[in-house]
Amino acid sequence: MRPRQALCANWRHRSPGPAGPRSRSTTWTSFAAINAVGVLFRSNASAAEKHEVVYDSLKTSFGLKHNTPDQDFWILHALRMGEKHERKFLVWEIYYDSKRKGWRNTSLPIPASTGLIKVLGSGAACAQKHIDRWINSAVGGRSSAIFSGFCDALFSGEDKHSGGMPQIGALTPGSHAQMLGFIDGNKHYLQGLQVIQVKTLHRIHWVDRYFQNMNALWR
């Protein structure tokens, strides 16, 4: 399956937004698994320290690749710090420039209300066009409008380097980071891959292209 090149993140105070480049998902998932047992950094580390460890680990991992071509890529690192009224969210954009063999690490501003944080990749212009169309609609103030615009762009075929199914990463106020499942018709997808019929689908939060919560039962 071709990696999805359109990468999008949005902000909503009470629910998640879409994100995630498939081309680097294996490395990123590995970092998450390692940190789950407290290896990457101290539990009381600051946001800056946590991000620096992730950033350095990513560069180290990338430097160990063998006999593979260089390509530009982006990763959005989202982090939640604190609890209850002290809770805050932070997002960084990590970019690798294959021509200059260099890295860029940028902190991104968080909107005060529901809004778009960043649109990246070859499909950025197409995604922005469809997202703007939804934002200017009657439901434009919701994060579901941003996600629906992203799906419309992805399924339109306008960008020849974008394809596959949406991969949705969620970072919510009251839970740990998680991947959401996507339902298209009678088919279920997780991290862009179709999943077979199993009895444990209810353990995953499922949504459709309108970001509506979907029943996990096989339809």
C-alpha atoms as a PDB file:
ATOM      1  CA  MET A   1       0.000   0.000   0.000  1.00  0.00           C
ATOM      2  CA  ARG A   2       1.383   3.423  -0.886  1.00  0.00           C
ATOM      3  CA  PRO A   3       2.160   5.634   2.139  1.00  0.00           C
ATOM      4  CA  ARG A   4      -0.391   8.377   2.643  1.00  0.00           C
ATOM      5  CA  GLN A   5       1.360  11.681   1.990  1.00  0.00           C
ATOM      6  CA  ALA A   6      -1.388  13.998   3.174  1.00  0.00           C
ATOM      7  CA  LEU A   7      -0.799  14.602   6.882  1.00  0.00           C
ATOM      8  CA  CYS A   8      -3.202  16.637   8.952  1.00  0.00           C
ATOM      9  CA  ALA A   9      -3.680  17.522  12.612  1.00  0.00           C
ATOM     10  CA  ASN A  10      -6.439  19.492  14.240  1.00  0.00           C
ATOM     11  CA  TRP A  11      -7.237  20.590  17.782  1.00  0.00           C
ATOM     12  CA  ARG A  12     -10.387  20.059  19.797  1.00  0.00           C
ATOM     13  CA  HIS A  13     -10.691  20.491  23.544  1.00  0.00           C
ATOM     14  CA  ARG A  14     -12.726  17.339  24.133  1.00  0.00           C
ATOM     15  CA  SER A  15     -11.917  14.914  21.366  1.00  0.00           C
ATOM     16  CA  PRO A  16      -9.077  13.817  19.052  1.00  0.00           C
ATOM     17  CA  GLY A  17      -8.026  14.866  15.600  1.00  0.00           C
ATOM     18  CA  PRO A  18      -6.453  13.033  12.681  1.00  0.00           C
ATOM     19  CA  ALA A  19      -2.797  12.561  12.304  1.00  0.00           C
ATOM     20  CA  GLY A  20      -0.085  10.099  11.403  1.00  0.00           C
ATOM     21  CA  PRO A  21       2.304   9.385   8.524  1.00  0.00           C
ATOM     22  CA  ARG A  22       2.209   5.696   7.617  1.00  0.00           C
ATOM     23  CA  SER A  23       5.737   5.772   6.209  1.00  0.00           C
ATOM     24  CA  ARG A  24       7.278   6.253   9.693  1.00  0.00           C
ATOM     25  CA  SER A  25       4.604   4.492  11.782  1.00  0.00           C
ATOM     26  CA  THR A  26       6.805   1.499  12.643  1.00  0.00           C
ATOM     27  CA  THR A  27       9.515   3.648  14.243  1.00  0.00           C
ATOM     28  CA  TRP A  28       6.959   5.827  16.023  1.00  0.00           C
ATOM     29  CA  THR A  29       5.056   2.813  17.360  1.00  0.00           C
ATOM     30  CA  SER A  30       8.342   1.388  18.637  1.00  0.00           C
ATOM     31  CA  PHE A  31       9.038   4.601  20.572  1.00  0.00           C
ATOM     32  CA  ALA A  32       5.561   4.428  22.134  1.00  0.00           C
ATOM     33  CA  ALA A  33       6.070   0.799  23.131  1.00  0.00           C
ATOM     34  CA  ILE A  34       9.491   1.505  24.671  1.00  0.00           C
ATOM     35  CA  ASN A  35       8.216   4.492  26.621  1.00  0.00           C
ATOM     36  CA  ALA A  36       5.276   2.455  27.938  1.00  0.00           C
ATOM     37  CA  VAL A  37       7.721   0.744  30.292  1.00  0.00           C
ATOM     38  CA  GLY A  38       9.444   4.002  31.272  1.00  0.00           C
ATOM     39  CA  VAL A  39      12.639   3.573  29.269  1.00  0.00           C
ATOM     40  CA  LEU A  40      12.776   6.740  27.180  1.00  0.00           C
ATOM     41  CA  PHE A  41      12.512   9.310  29.955  1.00  0.00           C
ATOM     42  CA  ARG A  42      11.648   9.880  33.613  1.00  0.00           C
ATOM     43  CA  SER A  43       7.950  10.002  34.509  1.00  0.00           C
ATOM     44  CA  ASN A  44       8.442  13.496  35.984  1.00  0.00           C
ATOM     45  CA  ALA A  45      10.463  14.835  33.037  1.00  0.00           C
ATOM     46  CA  SER A  46       9.480  18.226  31.641  1.00  0.00           C
ATOM     47  CA  ALA A  47       7.748  18.585  28.276  1.00  0.00           C
ATOM     48  CA  ALA A  48      10.926  19.961  26.703  1.00  0.00           C
ATOM     49  CA  GLU A  49      12.986  17.054  28.049  1.00  0.00           C
ATOM     50  CA  LYS A  50      10.504  14.457  26.816  1.00  0.00           C
ATOM     51  CA  HIS A  51      10.375  15.957  23.365  1.00  0.00           C
ATOM     52  CA  GLU A  52      14.157  16.253  23.144  1.00  0.00           C
ATOM     53  CA  VAL A  53      14.537  12.566  24.005  1.00  0.00           C
ATOM     54  CA  VAL A  54      11.977  11.598  21.353  1.00  0.00           C
ATOM     55  CA  TYR A  55      13.643  13.871  18.800  1.00  0.00           C
ATOM     56  CA  ASP A  56      17.126  12.521  19.505  1.00  0.00           C
ATOM     57  CA  SER A  57      15.874   8.910  19.496  1.00  0.00           C
ATOM     58  CA  LEU A  58      14.227   9.451  16.136  1.00  0.00           C
ATOM     59  CA  LYS A  59      17.391  10.876  14.590  1.00  0.00           C
ATOM     60  CA  THR A  60      19.462   8.027  16.012  1.00  0.00           C
ATOM     61  CA  SER A  61      17.050   5.425  14.673  1.00  0.00           C
ATOM     62  CA  PHE A  62      16.993   7.093  11.255  1.00  0.00           C
ATOM     63  CA  GLY A  63      20.785   7.159  11.169  1.00  0.00           C
ATOM     64  CA  LEU A  64      20.875   3.370  11.540  1.00  0.00           C
ATOM     65  CA  LYS A  65      18.823   2.695   8.406  1.00  0.00           C
ATOM     66  CA  HIS A  66      20.577   0.514   5.853  1.00  0.00           C
ATOM     67  CA  ASN A  67      20.499   0.675   2.064  1.00  0.00           C
ATOM     68  CA  THR A  68      17.258   2.652   1.830  1.00  0.00           C
ATOM     69  CA  PRO A  69      16.650   5.857  -0.154  1.00  0.00           C
ATOM     70  CA  ASP A  70      16.223   9.207   1.603  1.00  0.00           C
ATOM     71  CA  GLN A  71      12.884  10.981   1.351  1.00  0.00           C
ATOM     72  CA  ASP A  72      11.485  14.113   2.953  1.00  0.00           C
ATOM     73  CA  PHE A  73       9.084  13.385   5.799  1.00  0.00           C
ATOM     74  CA  TRP A  74       7.289  15.034   8.691  1.00  0.00           C
ATOM     75  CA  ILE A  75       6.260  13.763  12.108  1.00  0.00           C
ATOM     76  CA  LEU A  76       3.920  15.600  14.447  1.00  0.00           C
ATOM     77  CA  HIS A  77       4.709  14.886  18.093  1.00  0.00           C
ATOM     78  CA  ALA A  78       1.783  15.682  20.396  1.00  0.00           C
ATOM     79  CA  LEU A  79       2.204  15.672  24.158  1.00  0.00           C
ATOM     80  CA  ARG A  80      -0.167  16.199  27.088  1.00  0.00           C
ATOM     81  CA  MET A  81       1.237  17.428  30.401  1.00  0.00           C
ATOM     82  CA  GLY A  82      -0.396  17.883  33.794  1.00  0.00           C
ATOM     83  CA  GLU A  83      -3.801  16.936  35.148  1.00  0.00           C
ATOM     84  CA  LYS A  84      -7.204  18.623  35.466  1.00  0.00           C
ATOM     85  CA  HIS A  85      -6.952  22.443  35.522  1.00  0.00           C
ATOM     86  CA  GLU A  86      -3.174  22.325  35.021  1.00  0.00           C
ATOM     87  CA  ARG A  87      -3.458  20.172  31.906  1.00  0.00           C
ATOM     88  CA  LYS A  88      -1.896  21.509  28.721  1.00  0.00           C
ATOM     89  CA  PHE A  89      -1.155  20.186  25.237  1.00  0.00           C
ATOM     90  CA  LEU A  90       1.959  20.724  23.151  1.00  0.00           C
ATOM     91  CA  VAL A  91       2.742  19.858  19.527  1.00  0.00           C
ATOM     92  CA  TRP A  92       6.032  19.858  17.603  1.00  0.00           C
ATOM     93  CA  GLU A  93       6.716  19.441  13.909  1.00  0.00           C
ATOM     94  CA  ILE A  94       9.761  17.308  13.106  1.00  0.00           C
ATOM     95  CA  TYR A  95      10.914  17.568   9.498  1.00  0.00           C
ATOM     96  CA  TYR A  96      13.699  15.797   7.618  1.00  0.00           C
ATOM     97  CA  ASP A  97      15.062  17.466   4.470  1.00  0.00           C
ATOM     98  CA  SER A  98      16.534  14.701   2.296  1.00  0.00           C
ATOM     99  CA  LYS A  99      18.375  17.123  -0.029  1.00  0.00           C
ATOM    100  CA  ARG A 100      20.178  18.967   2.756  1.00  0.00           C
ATOM    101  CA  LYS A 101      20.410  15.883   4.991  1.00  0.00           C
ATOM    102  CA  GLY A 102      19.161  18.071   7.796  1.00  0.00           C
ATOM    103  CA  TRP A 103      16.454  18.183  10.468  1.00  0.00           C
ATOM    104  CA  ARG A 104      14.052  20.888  11.601  1.00  0.00           C
ATOM    105  CA  ASN A 105      12.332  20.823  14.974  1.00  0.00           C
ATOM    106  CA  THR A 106       9.549  23.400  15.469  1.00  0.00           C
ATOM    107  CA  SER A 107       7.065  24.007  18.275  1.00  0.00           C
ATOM    108  CA  LEU A 108       3.556  24.660  16.899  1.00  0.00           C
ATOM    109  CA  PRO A 109       0.962  26.978  18.463  1.00  0.00           C
ATOM    110  CA  ILE A 110      -2.235  25.416  19.817  1.00  0.00           C
ATOM    111  CA  PRO A 111      -5.470  27.197  18.796  1.00  0.00           C
ATOM    112  CA  ALA A 112      -7.538  28.643  21.643  1.00  0.00           C
ATOM    113  CA  SER A 113     -10.580  26.825  20.262  1.00  0.00           C
ATOM    114  CA  THR A 114     -11.296  24.026  17.792  1.00  0.00           C
ATOM    115  CA  GLY A 115      -9.068  24.566  14.777  1.00  0.00           C
ATOM    116  CA  LEU A 116      -6.445  23.280  12.420  1.00  0.00           C
ATOM    117  CA  ILE A 117      -2.885  22.958  13.688  1.00  0.00           C
ATOM    118  CA  LYS A 118      -1.016  21.869  10.560  1.00  0.00           C
ATOM    119  CA  VAL A 119      -1.521  20.367   7.096  1.00  0.00           C
ATOM    120  CA  LEU A 120       1.547  18.765   5.524  1.00  0.00           C
ATOM    121  CA  GLY A 121       2.662  16.629   2.597  1.00  0.00           C
ATOM    122  CA  SER A 122       2.080  16.514  -1.151  1.00  0.00           C
ATOM    123  CA  GLY A 123      -1.672  16.520  -0.563  1.00  0.00           C
ATOM    124  CA  ALA A 124      -1.637  19.618   1.675  1.00  0.00           C
ATOM    125  CA  ALA A 125      -3.213  22.001  -0.867  1.00  0.00           C
ATOM    126  CA  CYS A 126      -5.942  19.505  -1.743  1.00  0.00           C
ATOM    127  CA  ALA A 127      -6.643  18.788   1.938  1.00  0.00           C
ATOM    128  CA  GLN A 128      -6.770  22.486   2.773  1.00  0.00           C
ATOM    129  CA  LYS A 129      -9.276  23.118  -0.027  1.00  0.00           C
ATOM    130  CA  HIS A 130     -11.681  20.448   1.181  1.00  0.00           C
ATOM    131  CA  ILE A 131     -11.215  21.384   4.838  1.00  0.00           C
ATOM    132  CA  ASP A 132     -11.984  25.045   4.072  1.00  0.00           C
ATOM    133  CA  ARG A 133     -15.187  23.942   2.359  1.00  0.00           C
ATOM    134  CA  TRP A 134     -16.310  22.144   5.507  1.00  0.00           C
ATOM    135  CA  ILE A 135     -15.158  24.923   7.844  1.00  0.00           C
ATOM    136  CA  ASN A 136     -17.327  27.379   5.913  1.00  0.00           C
ATOM    137  CA  SER A 137     -20.367  25.110   6.287  1.00  0.00           C
ATOM    138  CA  ALA A 138     -22.977  25.049   9.067  1.00  0.00           C
ATOM    139  CA  VAL A 139     -20.865  22.577  11.058  1.00  0.00           C
ATOM    140  CA  GLY A 140     -17.597  24.418  10.519  1.00  0.00           C
ATOM    141  CA  GLY A 141     -16.924  24.986  14.211  1.00  0.00           C
ATOM    142  CA  ARG A 142     -16.489  21.297  14.970  1.00  0.00           C
ATOM    143  CA  SER A 143     -13.422  19.101  14.687  1.00  0.00           C
ATOM    144  CA  SER A 144     -15.568  16.649  12.726  1.00  0.00           C
ATOM    145  CA  ALA A 145     -15.676  19.224   9.904  1.00  0.00           C
ATOM    146  CA  ILE A 146     -11.880  19.195   9.662  1.00  0.00           C
ATOM    147  CA  PHE A 147     -11.756  15.417   9.642  1.00  0.00           C
ATOM    148  CA  SER A 148     -14.518  15.178   7.015  1.00  0.00           C
ATOM    149  CA  GLY A 149     -12.626  17.605   4.802  1.00  0.00           C
ATOM    150  CA  PHE A 150      -9.483  15.510   5.211  1.00  0.00           C
ATOM    151  CA  CYS A 151     -11.392  12.370   4.198  1.00  0.00           C
ATOM    152  CA  ASP A 152     -12.948  14.105   1.188  1.00  0.00           C
ATOM    153  CA  ALA A 153      -9.476  15.133   0.018  1.00  0.00           C
ATOM    154  CA  LEU A 154      -8.053  11.663   0.580  1.00  0.00           C
ATOM    155  CA  PHE A 155     -10.861   9.919  -1.307  1.00  0.00           C
ATOM    156  CA  SER A 156     -11.023  12.485  -4.114  1.00  0.00           C
ATOM    157  CA  GLY A 157      -7.889  11.140  -5.809  1.00  0.00           C
ATOM    158  CA  GLU A 158      -6.813  14.691  -6.658  1.00  0.00           C
ATOM    159  CA  ASP A 159      -3.336  14.139  -5.243  1.00  0.00           C
ATOM    160  CA  LYS A 160      -1.703  11.172  -6.962  1.00  0.00           C
ATOM    161  CA  HIS A 161       0.606  10.520  -4.023  1.00  0.00           C
ATOM    162  CA  SER A 162      -2.175  10.298  -1.426  1.00  0.00           C
ATOM    163  CA  GLY A 163      -4.270   7.202  -0.903  1.00  0.00           C
ATOM    164  CA  GLY A 164      -5.331   4.440   1.442  1.00  0.00           C
ATOM    165  CA  MET A 165      -7.519   4.891   4.490  1.00  0.00           C
ATOM    166  CA  PRO A 166      -7.277   7.581   7.195  1.00  0.00           C
ATOM    167  CA  GLN A 167      -5.082   6.754  10.168  1.00  0.00           C
ATOM    168  CA  ILE A 168      -6.303   8.520  13.271  1.00  0.00           C
ATOM    169  CA  GLY A 169      -4.243   9.247  16.367  1.00  0.00           C
ATOM    170  CA  ALA A 170      -6.073  10.550  19.438  1.00  0.00           C
ATOM    171  CA  LEU A 171      -4.708  12.459  22.407  1.00  0.00           C
ATOM    172  CA  THR A 172      -7.644  13.318  24.671  1.00  0.00           C
ATOM    173  CA  PRO A 173      -7.836  15.149  28.032  1.00  0.00           C
ATOM    174  CA  GLY A 174      -8.805  12.104  30.087  1.00  0.00           C
ATOM    175  CA  SER A 175      -7.019   9.182  28.443  1.00  0.00           C
ATOM    176  CA  HIS A 176      -3.706   7.989  27.066  1.00  0.00           C
ATOM    177  CA  ALA A 177      -2.721   8.375  23.421  1.00  0.00           C
ATOM    178  CA  GLN A 178      -4.498   5.854  21.227  1.00  0.00           C
ATOM    179  CA  MET A 179      -5.252   4.881  17.652  1.00  0.00           C
ATOM    180  CA  LEU A 180      -8.877   5.116  16.497  1.00  0.00           C
ATOM    181  CA  GLY A 181     -10.421   2.714  14.030  1.00  0.00           C
ATOM    182  CA  PHE A 182     -12.072   3.847  10.801  1.00  0.00           C
ATOM    183  CA  ILE A 183     -15.193   2.328   9.221  1.00  0.00           C
ATOM    184  CA  ASP A 184     -15.924   2.691   5.513  1.00  0.00           C
ATOM    185  CA  GLY A 185     -19.066   0.874   4.433  1.00  0.00           C
ATOM    186  CA  ASN A 186     -18.849  -2.606   5.924  1.00  0.00           C
ATOM    187  CA  LYS A 187     -15.083  -2.586   6.245  1.00  0.00           C
ATOM    188  CA  HIS A 188     -13.018  -1.798   9.331  1.00  0.00           C
ATOM    189  CA  TYR A 189      -9.524  -0.261   9.227  1.00  0.00           C
ATOM    190  CA  LEU A 190      -6.922   0.333  11.924  1.00  0.00           C
ATOM    191  CA  GLN A 191      -3.769   2.327  11.146  1.00  0.00           C
ATOM    192  CA  GLY A 192      -4.772   2.149   7.473  1.00  0.00           C
ATOM    193  CA  LEU A 193      -4.988  -1.643   7.342  1.00  0.00           C
ATOM    194  CA  GLN A 194      -8.226  -3.586   6.974  1.00  0.00           C
ATOM    195  CA  VAL A 195      -8.936  -5.814   9.967  1.00  0.00           C
ATOM    196  CA  ILE A 196     -10.717  -9.151   9.837  1.00  0.00           C
ATOM    197  CA  GLN A 197     -13.886  -9.985  11.722  1.00  0.00           C
ATOM    198  CA  VAL A 198     -13.042 -10.693  15.362  1.00  0.00           C
ATOM    199  CA  LYS A 199     -14.999 -10.512  18.615  1.00  0.00           C
ATOM    200  CA  THR A 200     -12.684  -7.937  20.184  1.00  0.00           C
ATOM    201  CA  LEU A 201     -13.457  -5.022  17.846  1.00  0.00           C
ATOM    202  CA  HIS A 202     -15.429  -3.328  20.621  1.00  0.00           C
ATOM    203  CA  ARG A 203     -12.159  -2.588  22.424  1.00  0.00           C
ATOM    204  CA  ILE A 204     -11.367   0.030  19.791  1.00  0.00           C
ATOM    205  CA  HIS A 205     -13.057   3.392  19.347  1.00  0.00           C
ATOM    206  CA  TRP A 206     -14.476   3.483  15.794  1.00  0.00           C
ATOM    207  CA  VAL A 207     -15.515   6.485  13.703  1.00  0.00           C
ATOM    208  CA  ASP A 208     -16.680   7.088  10.139  1.00  0.00           C
ATOM    209  CA  ARG A 209     -15.709   9.809   7.654  1.00  0.00           C
ATOM    210  CA  TYR A 210     -17.993  12.278   9.460  1.00  0.00           C
ATOM    211  CA  PHE A 211     -16.250  11.524  12.761  1.00  0.00           C
ATOM    212  CA  GLN A 212     -19.380   9.943  14.126  1.00  0.00           C
ATOM    213  CA  ASN A 213     -18.953   7.236  16.762  1.00  0.00           C
ATOM    214  CA  MET A 214     -19.663   3.857  15.207  1.00  0.00           C
ATOM    215  CA  ASN A 215     -20.826   0.574  16.719  1.00  0.00           C
ATOM    216  CA  ALA A 216     -17.965  -1.902  16.915  1.00  0.00           C
ATOM    217  CA  LEU A 217     -20.195  -4.854  15.994  1.00  0.00           C
ATOM    218  CA  TRP A 218     -19.498  -6.228  12.526  1.00  0.00           C
ATOM    219  CA  ARG A 219     -22.137  -4.849  10.201  1.00  0.00           C
END
